[in-house]
N, C-alpha and C. Protein backbone atom coordinates (compact mmCIF):
# COMPACT_ATOMS: atom_id res chain seq x y z
N MET A 1 28.29 66.44 -15.01
CA MET A 1 28.35 65.65 -16.22
C MET A 1 27.30 66.12 -17.24
N ILE A 2 26.08 66.34 -16.80
CA ILE A 2 25.03 66.79 -17.72
C ILE A 2 25.38 68.16 -18.29
N ALA A 3 25.97 69.03 -17.48
CA ALA A 3 26.36 70.36 -17.97
C ALA A 3 27.38 70.23 -19.09
N LYS A 4 28.32 69.29 -18.95
CA LYS A 4 29.32 69.07 -20.00
C LYS A 4 28.66 68.58 -21.28
N MET A 5 27.67 67.67 -21.14
CA MET A 5 26.98 67.13 -22.31
C MET A 5 26.18 68.22 -23.02
N LYS A 6 25.53 69.08 -22.24
CA LYS A 6 24.76 70.18 -22.85
C LYS A 6 25.68 71.14 -23.57
N ALA A 7 26.83 71.43 -22.97
CA ALA A 7 27.80 72.34 -23.60
C ALA A 7 28.36 71.73 -24.87
N ARG A 8 28.63 70.43 -24.85
CA ARG A 8 29.18 69.73 -26.00
C ARG A 8 28.10 69.46 -27.03
N GLY A 9 26.86 69.32 -26.59
CA GLY A 9 25.74 69.02 -27.47
C GLY A 9 25.49 67.52 -27.55
N PHE A 10 24.23 67.18 -27.69
CA PHE A 10 23.87 65.77 -27.79
C PHE A 10 24.10 65.27 -29.20
N ARG A 11 24.54 64.03 -29.32
CA ARG A 11 24.74 63.39 -30.62
C ARG A 11 24.09 62.02 -30.57
N CYS A 12 23.61 61.57 -31.71
CA CYS A 12 23.04 60.24 -31.83
C CYS A 12 24.16 59.23 -31.57
N SER A 13 23.90 58.27 -30.72
CA SER A 13 24.89 57.25 -30.39
C SER A 13 25.12 56.29 -31.54
N PHE A 14 24.24 56.29 -32.52
CA PHE A 14 24.31 55.34 -33.63
C PHE A 14 24.95 55.94 -34.88
N CYS A 15 24.50 57.13 -35.28
CA CYS A 15 25.03 57.73 -36.52
C CYS A 15 25.96 58.91 -36.26
N GLY A 16 25.93 59.48 -35.06
CA GLY A 16 26.82 60.58 -34.71
C GLY A 16 26.31 61.96 -35.08
N ARG A 17 25.09 62.03 -35.64
CA ARG A 17 24.55 63.35 -36.00
C ARG A 17 24.28 64.17 -34.75
N ALA A 18 24.52 65.48 -34.86
CA ALA A 18 24.29 66.39 -33.74
C ALA A 18 22.82 66.76 -33.65
N LYS A 19 22.43 67.28 -32.52
CA LYS A 19 21.04 67.66 -32.26
C LYS A 19 20.51 68.62 -33.33
N GLY A 20 21.34 69.52 -33.81
CA GLY A 20 20.92 70.48 -34.82
C GLY A 20 20.78 69.91 -36.22
N GLU A 21 21.26 68.69 -36.45
CA GLU A 21 21.21 68.07 -37.77
C GLU A 21 19.98 67.20 -37.99
N VAL A 22 19.22 66.91 -36.93
CA VAL A 22 18.05 66.05 -37.03
C VAL A 22 16.86 66.72 -36.35
N ALA A 23 15.67 66.17 -36.59
CA ALA A 23 14.46 66.75 -36.00
C ALA A 23 14.36 66.47 -34.50
N ASN A 24 14.69 65.25 -34.09
CA ASN A 24 14.56 64.86 -32.68
C ASN A 24 15.68 63.92 -32.27
N ILE A 25 16.06 64.02 -31.02
CA ILE A 25 16.97 63.06 -30.41
C ILE A 25 16.35 62.65 -29.08
N MET A 26 16.31 61.33 -28.85
CA MET A 26 15.76 60.81 -27.60
C MET A 26 16.87 60.14 -26.82
N ALA A 27 16.78 60.24 -25.50
CA ALA A 27 17.73 59.58 -24.62
C ALA A 27 17.10 58.31 -24.08
N GLY A 28 17.88 57.24 -24.04
CA GLY A 28 17.39 56.00 -23.45
C GLY A 28 17.28 56.16 -21.95
N THR A 29 16.21 55.62 -21.39
CA THR A 29 16.02 55.68 -19.95
C THR A 29 16.79 54.53 -19.32
N PRO A 30 17.73 54.83 -18.46
CA PRO A 30 18.51 53.75 -17.85
C PRO A 30 17.62 52.89 -16.95
N GLN A 31 17.74 51.61 -17.11
CA GLN A 31 17.01 50.65 -16.28
C GLN A 31 18.03 49.95 -15.40
N HIS A 32 17.74 49.82 -14.15
CA HIS A 32 18.66 49.10 -13.28
C HIS A 32 17.88 48.29 -12.25
N ALA A 33 18.44 47.20 -11.88
CA ALA A 33 17.82 46.31 -10.91
C ALA A 33 18.04 46.88 -9.50
N PRO A 34 17.14 46.57 -8.58
CA PRO A 34 17.34 47.02 -7.20
C PRO A 34 18.68 46.53 -6.66
N GLY A 35 19.43 47.42 -6.08
CA GLY A 35 20.73 47.07 -5.53
C GLY A 35 21.88 47.22 -6.51
N ALA A 36 21.56 47.33 -7.80
CA ALA A 36 22.61 47.50 -8.81
C ALA A 36 23.03 48.96 -8.85
N PRO A 37 24.28 49.23 -9.19
CA PRO A 37 24.71 50.63 -9.26
C PRO A 37 23.97 51.37 -10.37
N LYS A 38 23.63 52.62 -10.11
CA LYS A 38 22.94 53.43 -11.12
C LYS A 38 23.91 53.81 -12.22
N ARG A 39 23.37 53.95 -13.43
CA ARG A 39 24.20 54.34 -14.57
C ARG A 39 24.45 55.83 -14.56
N THR A 40 25.57 56.20 -15.10
CA THR A 40 25.87 57.61 -15.24
C THR A 40 25.36 58.09 -16.58
N THR A 41 25.34 59.40 -16.80
CA THR A 41 24.87 59.94 -18.08
C THR A 41 25.76 59.51 -19.23
N ALA A 42 27.01 59.14 -18.94
CA ALA A 42 27.90 58.68 -20.00
C ALA A 42 27.46 57.34 -20.57
N GLN A 43 26.63 56.61 -19.82
CA GLN A 43 26.16 55.31 -20.26
C GLN A 43 24.78 55.36 -20.91
N ILE A 44 24.19 56.53 -21.02
CA ILE A 44 22.87 56.67 -21.65
C ILE A 44 23.07 56.79 -23.15
N ALA A 45 22.29 56.02 -23.90
CA ALA A 45 22.37 56.08 -25.36
C ALA A 45 21.35 57.09 -25.88
N PHE A 46 21.73 57.78 -26.94
CA PHE A 46 20.85 58.73 -27.62
C PHE A 46 20.57 58.19 -29.01
N ILE A 47 19.33 58.37 -29.51
CA ILE A 47 19.01 57.94 -30.86
C ILE A 47 18.18 59.03 -31.54
N CYS A 48 18.51 59.29 -32.81
CA CYS A 48 17.81 60.34 -33.56
C CYS A 48 16.63 59.75 -34.34
N ASN A 49 15.75 60.62 -34.78
CA ASN A 49 14.58 60.18 -35.53
C ASN A 49 14.96 59.49 -36.84
N GLU A 50 16.07 59.88 -37.44
CA GLU A 50 16.49 59.25 -38.69
C GLU A 50 16.91 57.80 -38.46
N CYS A 51 17.61 57.52 -37.37
CA CYS A 51 18.01 56.14 -37.07
C CYS A 51 16.80 55.30 -36.69
N VAL A 52 15.86 55.89 -35.95
CA VAL A 52 14.62 55.16 -35.62
C VAL A 52 13.90 54.78 -36.91
N ARG A 53 13.78 55.72 -37.84
CA ARG A 53 13.13 55.46 -39.12
C ARG A 53 13.87 54.37 -39.90
N HIS A 54 15.18 54.48 -39.95
CA HIS A 54 16.00 53.51 -40.68
C HIS A 54 15.83 52.10 -40.13
N TYR A 55 15.94 51.95 -38.82
CA TYR A 55 15.84 50.63 -38.21
C TYR A 55 14.42 50.08 -38.26
N TYR A 56 13.42 50.95 -38.16
CA TYR A 56 12.02 50.51 -38.32
C TYR A 56 11.81 49.93 -39.71
N GLN A 57 12.34 50.60 -40.71
CA GLN A 57 12.22 50.12 -42.09
C GLN A 57 12.95 48.79 -42.26
N MET A 58 14.11 48.64 -41.63
CA MET A 58 14.85 47.38 -41.72
C MET A 58 14.06 46.23 -41.10
N VAL A 59 13.47 46.46 -39.95
CA VAL A 59 12.78 45.40 -39.22
C VAL A 59 11.45 45.04 -39.88
N THR A 60 10.69 46.05 -40.28
CA THR A 60 9.35 45.80 -40.80
C THR A 60 9.30 45.67 -42.32
N GLY A 61 10.29 46.19 -43.01
CA GLY A 61 10.26 46.20 -44.47
C GLY A 61 9.28 47.22 -45.01
N THR A 62 8.82 48.13 -44.16
CA THR A 62 7.84 49.16 -44.52
C THR A 62 8.53 50.50 -44.66
N GLU A 63 8.31 51.17 -45.77
CA GLU A 63 8.86 52.51 -45.97
C GLU A 63 8.00 53.53 -45.23
N ILE A 64 8.63 54.43 -44.51
CA ILE A 64 7.92 55.56 -43.92
C ILE A 64 8.67 56.82 -44.32
N SER A 65 7.94 57.89 -44.50
CA SER A 65 8.58 59.12 -44.95
C SER A 65 9.33 59.76 -43.80
N SER A 66 10.36 60.51 -44.14
CA SER A 66 11.14 61.19 -43.10
C SER A 66 10.37 62.35 -42.49
N SER A 67 9.28 62.78 -43.15
CA SER A 67 8.47 63.87 -42.61
C SER A 67 7.43 63.37 -41.61
N ALA A 68 7.27 62.05 -41.50
CA ALA A 68 6.30 61.48 -40.56
C ALA A 68 6.94 61.45 -39.18
N VAL A 69 6.76 62.53 -38.44
CA VAL A 69 7.34 62.63 -37.11
C VAL A 69 6.22 62.68 -36.09
N VAL A 70 6.29 61.81 -35.10
CA VAL A 70 5.30 61.78 -34.04
C VAL A 70 5.94 62.40 -32.81
N VAL A 71 5.30 63.39 -32.25
CA VAL A 71 5.82 64.06 -31.07
C VAL A 71 4.89 63.76 -29.92
N SER A 72 5.40 63.18 -28.86
CA SER A 72 4.57 62.90 -27.69
C SER A 72 4.82 63.96 -26.65
N LYS A 73 3.80 64.26 -25.90
CA LYS A 73 3.91 65.29 -24.84
C LYS A 73 3.72 64.67 -23.50
């Protein structure tokens, strides 16, 4: 499944932009309760830096520049 996703390319689950169209794309970490079935990669959501910026601005009412990118290691 992951090989198919890599071949097809990752897209933001919210806006549909491809990995090459944005600076960063993050995958949601699946959380599951003990005893619950594990999620497959098809159920993992991806979000791009542009959607994170957009929703942050909506929630906080604070403008942030699109060049303000924080990269964690």
